[in-house]
Protein backbone atom coordinates (compact mmCIF):
# COMPACT_ATOMS: atom_id res chain seq x y z
CA MET A 1 55.57 17.49 41.71
CA SER A 2 52.43 19.36 42.69
CA PHE A 3 50.38 17.06 40.43
CA ASP A 4 51.72 14.01 42.29
CA ILE A 5 50.70 15.57 45.60
CA PHE A 6 47.24 16.28 44.16
CA LYS A 7 46.84 12.61 43.15
CA ILE A 8 47.87 11.47 46.62
CA VAL A 9 45.35 13.83 48.22
CA VAL A 10 42.55 12.66 45.90
CA LYS A 11 43.33 9.00 46.59
CA GLY A 12 43.38 9.69 50.32
CA VAL A 13 40.00 11.40 50.18
CA VAL A 14 38.51 8.53 48.17
CA VAL A 15 39.86 5.98 50.64
CA LEU A 16 38.44 7.94 53.59
CA ILE A 17 35.03 8.14 51.92
CA LEU A 18 35.01 4.40 51.20
CA VAL A 19 36.10 3.59 54.76
CA ALA A 20 33.36 5.85 56.15
CA ILE A 21 30.73 4.19 53.95
CA PHE A 22 31.94 0.72 54.88
CA THR A 23 32.04 1.57 58.59
CA GLY A 24 28.53 3.04 58.45
CA LEU A 25 27.24 -0.04 56.67
CA ILE A 26 28.78 -2.37 59.26
CA TYR A 27 27.32 -0.29 62.09
CA TRP A 28 23.91 -0.32 60.45
CA LEU A 29 24.03 -4.09 59.96
CA LEU A 30 25.10 -4.79 63.54
CA LYS A 31 23.26 -2.15 65.55
CA VAL A 32 20.32 -0.76 63.63
CA SER A 33 19.03 -3.33 61.13
CA GLN A 34 16.40 -5.93 61.98
CA TRP A 35 16.82 -9.53 60.87
CA SER A 36 14.39 -11.35 63.13
CA TRP A 37 12.05 -11.89 60.18
CA MET A 38 14.57 -14.26 58.57
CA ALA A 39 13.56 -17.14 60.85
CA THR A 40 9.95 -16.89 59.66
CA TYR A 41 10.43 -16.23 55.98
CA TYR A 42 13.52 -18.21 55.03
CA PRO A 43 11.46 -21.13 53.58
CA LEU A 44 9.72 -18.67 51.26
CA LEU A 45 13.06 -17.09 50.36
CA ILE A 46 14.51 -20.48 49.43
CA LYS A 47 11.46 -21.31 47.31
CA GLY A 48 11.63 -17.89 45.67
CA LEU A 49 15.33 -18.31 44.95
CA TRP A 50 14.61 -21.70 43.38
CA LEU A 51 11.94 -20.18 41.11
CA THR A 52 14.31 -17.37 40.16
CA LEU A 53 17.03 -19.84 39.22
CA LEU A 54 14.60 -21.97 37.21
CA LEU A 55 13.28 -18.95 35.35
CA TRP A 56 16.77 -17.61 34.69
CA VAL A 57 18.49 -20.83 33.64
CA PHE A 58 15.69 -22.26 31.50
CA SER A 59 14.96 -18.96 29.75
CA CYS A 60 18.64 -18.56 28.87
CA ALA A 61 19.01 -22.17 27.73
CA LEU A 62 15.81 -22.26 25.66
CA GLY A 63 16.42 -18.76 24.34
CA MET A 64 19.89 -19.74 23.16
CA ILE A 65 18.51 -22.82 21.43
CA PHE A 66 16.17 -20.56 19.45
CA ALA A 67 18.78 -17.84 18.96
CA ILE A 68 21.23 -20.06 17.06
CA PRO A 69 18.92 -20.83 14.11
CA ILE A 70 17.53 -17.27 14.22
CA GLY A 71 21.05 -15.89 13.81
CA LEU A 72 22.10 -18.51 11.26
CA VAL A 73 19.10 -18.08 8.99
CA GLN A 74 19.72 -14.33 8.77
CA VAL A 75 23.13 -15.12 7.28
CA THR A 76 22.34 -18.12 5.09
CA GLY A 77 18.76 -17.44 4.02
CA PRO A 78 16.36 -18.07 2.37
CA ARG A 79 15.41 -14.44 2.17
CA TRP A 80 11.82 -14.76 3.36
CA LEU A 81 12.91 -16.74 6.42
CA ALA A 82 15.74 -14.28 7.09
CA ALA A 83 13.22 -11.44 6.90
CA LEU A 84 10.97 -13.17 9.43
CA ALA A 85 13.92 -13.72 11.79
CA LYS A 86 15.05 -10.12 11.38
CA GLY A 87 11.52 -8.90 12.05
CA PHE A 88 11.26 -11.02 15.19
CA CYS A 89 14.54 -9.63 16.53
CA THR A 90 13.48 -6.08 15.69
CA VAL A 91 10.17 -6.41 17.53
CA ILE A 92 11.75 -8.03 20.59
CA ARG A 93 14.58 -5.50 20.80
CA GLY A 94 12.28 -2.57 20.10
CA THR A 95 9.73 -3.20 22.86
CA PRO A 96 10.23 -3.33 26.65
CA LEU A 97 10.44 -6.76 28.25
CA LEU A 98 7.78 -5.74 30.77
CA LEU A 99 5.36 -4.99 27.92
CA GLN A 100 6.11 -8.34 26.29
CA LEU A 101 5.49 -10.10 29.60
CA TRP A 102 2.16 -8.35 30.10
CA LEU A 103 1.03 -9.04 26.54
CA ILE A 104 1.75 -12.76 26.92
CA TYR A 105 0.30 -13.08 30.41
CA TYR A 106 -2.84 -10.98 29.99
CA GLY A 107 -3.31 -11.79 26.30
CA LEU A 108 -2.47 -15.46 25.96
CA GLY A 109 -3.43 -16.12 29.58
CA SER A 110 -6.95 -14.79 29.06
CA LEU A 111 -7.41 -16.92 25.96
CA PHE A 112 -7.48 -20.30 27.73
CA PRO A 113 -10.47 -19.55 30.03
CA LYS A 114 -12.43 -18.38 26.98
CA ILE A 115 -11.64 -21.64 25.19
CA ALA A 116 -12.73 -23.56 28.29
CA MET A 117 -16.08 -21.76 28.25
CA VAL A 118 -16.72 -23.06 24.73
CA TYR A 119 -15.13 -26.49 25.23
CA PRO A 120 -15.59 -27.58 28.89
CA ALA A 121 -13.41 -30.64 28.34
CA PHE A 122 -10.49 -28.25 27.97
CA ARG A 123 -10.47 -27.92 31.78
CA GLN A 124 -10.26 -31.64 32.44
CA ASP A 125 -6.75 -32.53 31.28
CA PHE A 126 -3.68 -32.22 33.50
CA MET A 127 -2.34 -29.31 31.43
CA TRP A 128 -5.04 -26.97 32.75
CA LEU A 129 -3.13 -26.02 35.89
CA ILE A 130 0.01 -25.43 33.84
CA ARG A 131 -1.91 -23.10 31.54
CA LEU A 132 -3.04 -21.05 34.52
CA ASP A 133 0.36 -20.89 36.26
CA ALA A 134 1.98 -17.49 35.72
CA PHE A 135 5.45 -19.04 35.86
CA TRP A 136 5.06 -20.55 32.38
CA TYR A 137 3.98 -17.25 30.85
CA ALA A 138 6.98 -15.54 32.41
CA LEU A 139 9.25 -18.31 31.13
CA LEU A 140 7.84 -17.90 27.62
CA ALA A 141 8.28 -14.12 27.69
CA PHE A 142 11.85 -14.27 28.99
CA THR A 143 12.75 -17.02 26.52
CA LEU A 144 11.47 -15.06 23.54
CA SER A 145 13.23 -11.92 24.76
CA PHE A 146 16.55 -13.70 25.20
CA ALA A 147 16.16 -15.39 21.81
CA GLY A 148 15.53 -12.04 20.13
CA TYR A 149 18.61 -10.37 21.57
CA GLU A 150 20.89 -13.37 21.20
CA GLY A 151 19.63 -14.10 17.70
CA GLU A 152 20.98 -10.75 16.54
CA ILE A 153 24.22 -11.30 18.44
CA MET A 154 24.65 -14.76 16.90
CA ARG A 155 24.08 -13.24 13.46
CA GLY A 156 27.03 -10.94 14.08
CA ALA A 157 29.09 -13.83 15.40
CA PHE A 158 28.43 -15.96 12.32
CA LEU A 159 29.37 -13.03 10.09
CA GLY A 160 32.51 -12.49 12.19
CA VAL A 161 34.00 -15.86 11.34
CA PRO A 162 36.57 -15.35 8.55
CA ARG A 163 35.28 -16.63 5.23
CA GLY A 164 38.69 -18.11 4.52
CA GLU A 165 38.23 -20.66 7.28
CA LEU A 166 34.89 -21.75 5.85
CA GLU A 167 36.29 -21.97 2.33
CA ALA A 168 39.23 -24.02 3.60
CA ALA A 169 36.84 -26.44 5.32
CA ARG A 170 34.85 -26.84 2.10
CA ALA A 171 38.09 -27.36 0.18
CA PHE A 172 38.85 -30.31 2.46
CA GLY A 173 35.62 -31.89 1.28
CA MET A 174 33.53 -31.26 4.40
CA SER A 175 29.79 -31.37 4.00
CA PRO A 176 27.80 -28.22 4.85
CA TRP A 177 26.72 -29.83 8.13
CA LYS A 178 30.31 -30.60 9.14
CA VAL A 179 31.41 -27.09 8.17
CA LEU A 180 28.72 -25.71 10.44
CA THR A 181 29.27 -28.01 13.42
CA ARG A 182 33.06 -28.30 13.32
CA VAL A 183 34.20 -24.89 12.08
CA TRP A 184 31.56 -22.19 11.77
CA PHE A 185 29.50 -22.68 14.94
CA PRO A 186 32.46 -23.31 17.33
CA ARG A 187 34.26 -20.20 16.07
CA ALA A 188 31.08 -18.13 16.37
CA VAL A 189 30.54 -19.30 19.94
CA ARG A 190 34.10 -18.33 20.82
CA LEU A 191 33.49 -14.86 19.43
CA VAL A 192 30.21 -14.41 21.27
CA LEU A 193 31.26 -15.64 24.72
CA PRO A 194 32.16 -12.22 26.23
CA THR A 195 28.90 -10.70 25.02
CA LEU A 196 26.92 -13.76 26.09
CA ALA A 197 28.18 -13.38 29.66
CA GLY A 198 26.77 -9.84 29.82
CA GLU A 199 23.45 -10.94 28.32
CA VAL A 200 23.08 -13.76 30.83
CA VAL A 201 23.71 -11.33 33.69
CA LEU A 202 21.14 -8.92 32.25
CA GLN A 203 18.67 -11.79 32.01
CA LEU A 204 19.22 -12.54 35.69
CA LYS A 205 18.52 -8.92 36.61
CA SER A 206 15.35 -8.99 34.48
CA THR A 207 13.76 -11.88 36.40
CA PRO A 208 12.23 -9.60 39.11
CA LEU A 209 9.79 -8.41 36.44
CA ALA A 210 8.04 -11.76 36.85
CA MET A 211 6.57 -10.62 40.16
CA THR A 212 4.35 -8.18 38.22
CA VAL A 213 2.38 -11.21 36.95
CA THR A 214 2.10 -12.87 40.40
CA VAL A 215 5.17 -15.12 40.12
CA MET A 216 6.57 -15.51 43.65
CA ASP A 217 10.22 -15.49 42.72
CA LEU A 218 12.86 -14.10 45.05
CA ALA A 219 11.93 -10.48 44.36
CA GLY A 220 8.24 -11.33 44.62
CA VAL A 221 8.72 -12.89 48.06
CA VAL A 222 10.64 -9.84 49.27
CA ARG A 223 8.28 -7.25 47.80
CA ASN A 224 4.87 -8.90 48.09
CA ARG A 225 5.25 -10.89 51.29
CA ILE A 226 8.06 -9.80 53.60
CA THR A 227 7.87 -6.03 53.22
CA GLN A 228 4.08 -6.00 53.25
CA ASP A 229 3.77 -8.33 56.26
CA THR A 230 6.53 -6.86 58.43
CA TYR A 231 6.76 -3.25 57.14
CA ILE A 232 10.53 -3.76 57.06
CA VAL A 233 11.91 -2.47 53.77
CA TYR A 234 15.66 -1.94 53.70
CA GLU A 235 16.90 -5.22 55.20
CA PRO A 236 14.99 -7.50 52.78
CA LEU A 237 16.08 -5.35 49.86
CA MET A 238 19.71 -5.46 51.04
CA LEU A 239 19.49 -9.25 51.23
CA LEU A 240 17.97 -9.35 47.75
CA ALA A 241 20.78 -7.17 46.39
CA ALA A 242 23.42 -9.36 48.05
CA ILE A 243 21.95 -12.52 46.52
CA TYR A 244 21.84 -11.02 43.03
CA MET A 245 25.41 -9.76 43.40
CA CYS A 246 26.60 -13.23 44.40
CA LEU A 247 24.82 -14.82 41.44
CA THR A 248 26.28 -12.20 39.11
CA PHE A 249 29.79 -12.79 40.46
CA LEU A 250 29.45 -16.55 39.99
CA THR A 251 28.15 -16.08 36.45
CA VAL A 252 30.98 -13.75 35.43
CA TRP A 253 33.55 -16.08 37.01
CA ALA A 254 32.08 -19.11 35.20
CA PHE A 255 32.17 -17.40 31.81
CA SER A 256 35.72 -16.15 32.44
CA TYR A 257 36.75 -19.72 33.24
CA ILE A 258 35.07 -21.02 30.08
CA GLU A 259 36.74 -18.34 27.96
CA LYS A 260 40.15 -19.39 29.25
CA LYS A 261 39.45 -23.06 28.52
CA VAL A 262 38.07 -22.53 25.02
CA PRO A 263 40.92 -22.31 22.49
CA GLN A 264 41.30 -19.10 20.51
CA LYS A 265 41.45 -20.91 17.20
CA ARG A 266 40.42 -24.34 16.02
């Protein structure tokens, strides 16, 4: 009986703390915080949000396209190609994403101007501006990072498909391509969906690193423009957190919906 009373007291204290925090937050938003800067900077915020979405969606999509063969080749071989794929995943997973981004931006990015010094015609084609835009270096770094992590996850997913299902498909006379596309790959995707949702969310929360190489994504606009121009710190950061939380919620909901629609077995 005393334990039940203790639980009630603990729950009451927790509720009071949460109510106090929520009340303080509402008071701060209504009475203390400053939002006048929104009218001036909302075009930049929209543009930054658009860049963030582009970087996030394309890096996940392209990374997944690379991750599937990286995971498959580690299971099927040949050995030398499997070793290369394993080495790629090991390097990507063993080094920080920020370091990878800097190596690509400052390493590969500094290579093109040197080539242009030797071959002046290199500056004349329409690709020159693309080569100098930091967005593409960030996209490449995030794509390779996502491919490295998901390649290892896809390897586990391919190994997780019961061998009996593959042998049954071959017994029906299916070609190796049909076994892969109709049995092996769909079952592997079903196994990897819960993990993939978490990886996509982590990729979203990694996109602010792009501002370290001058990409004016959403975090870059908040950190490098709004806070430096207005000296207002907390309100822009609160807005940034709210936007990322909304995107995370939508992502988790979308993957939950897909998981419910995808059949457990084929």
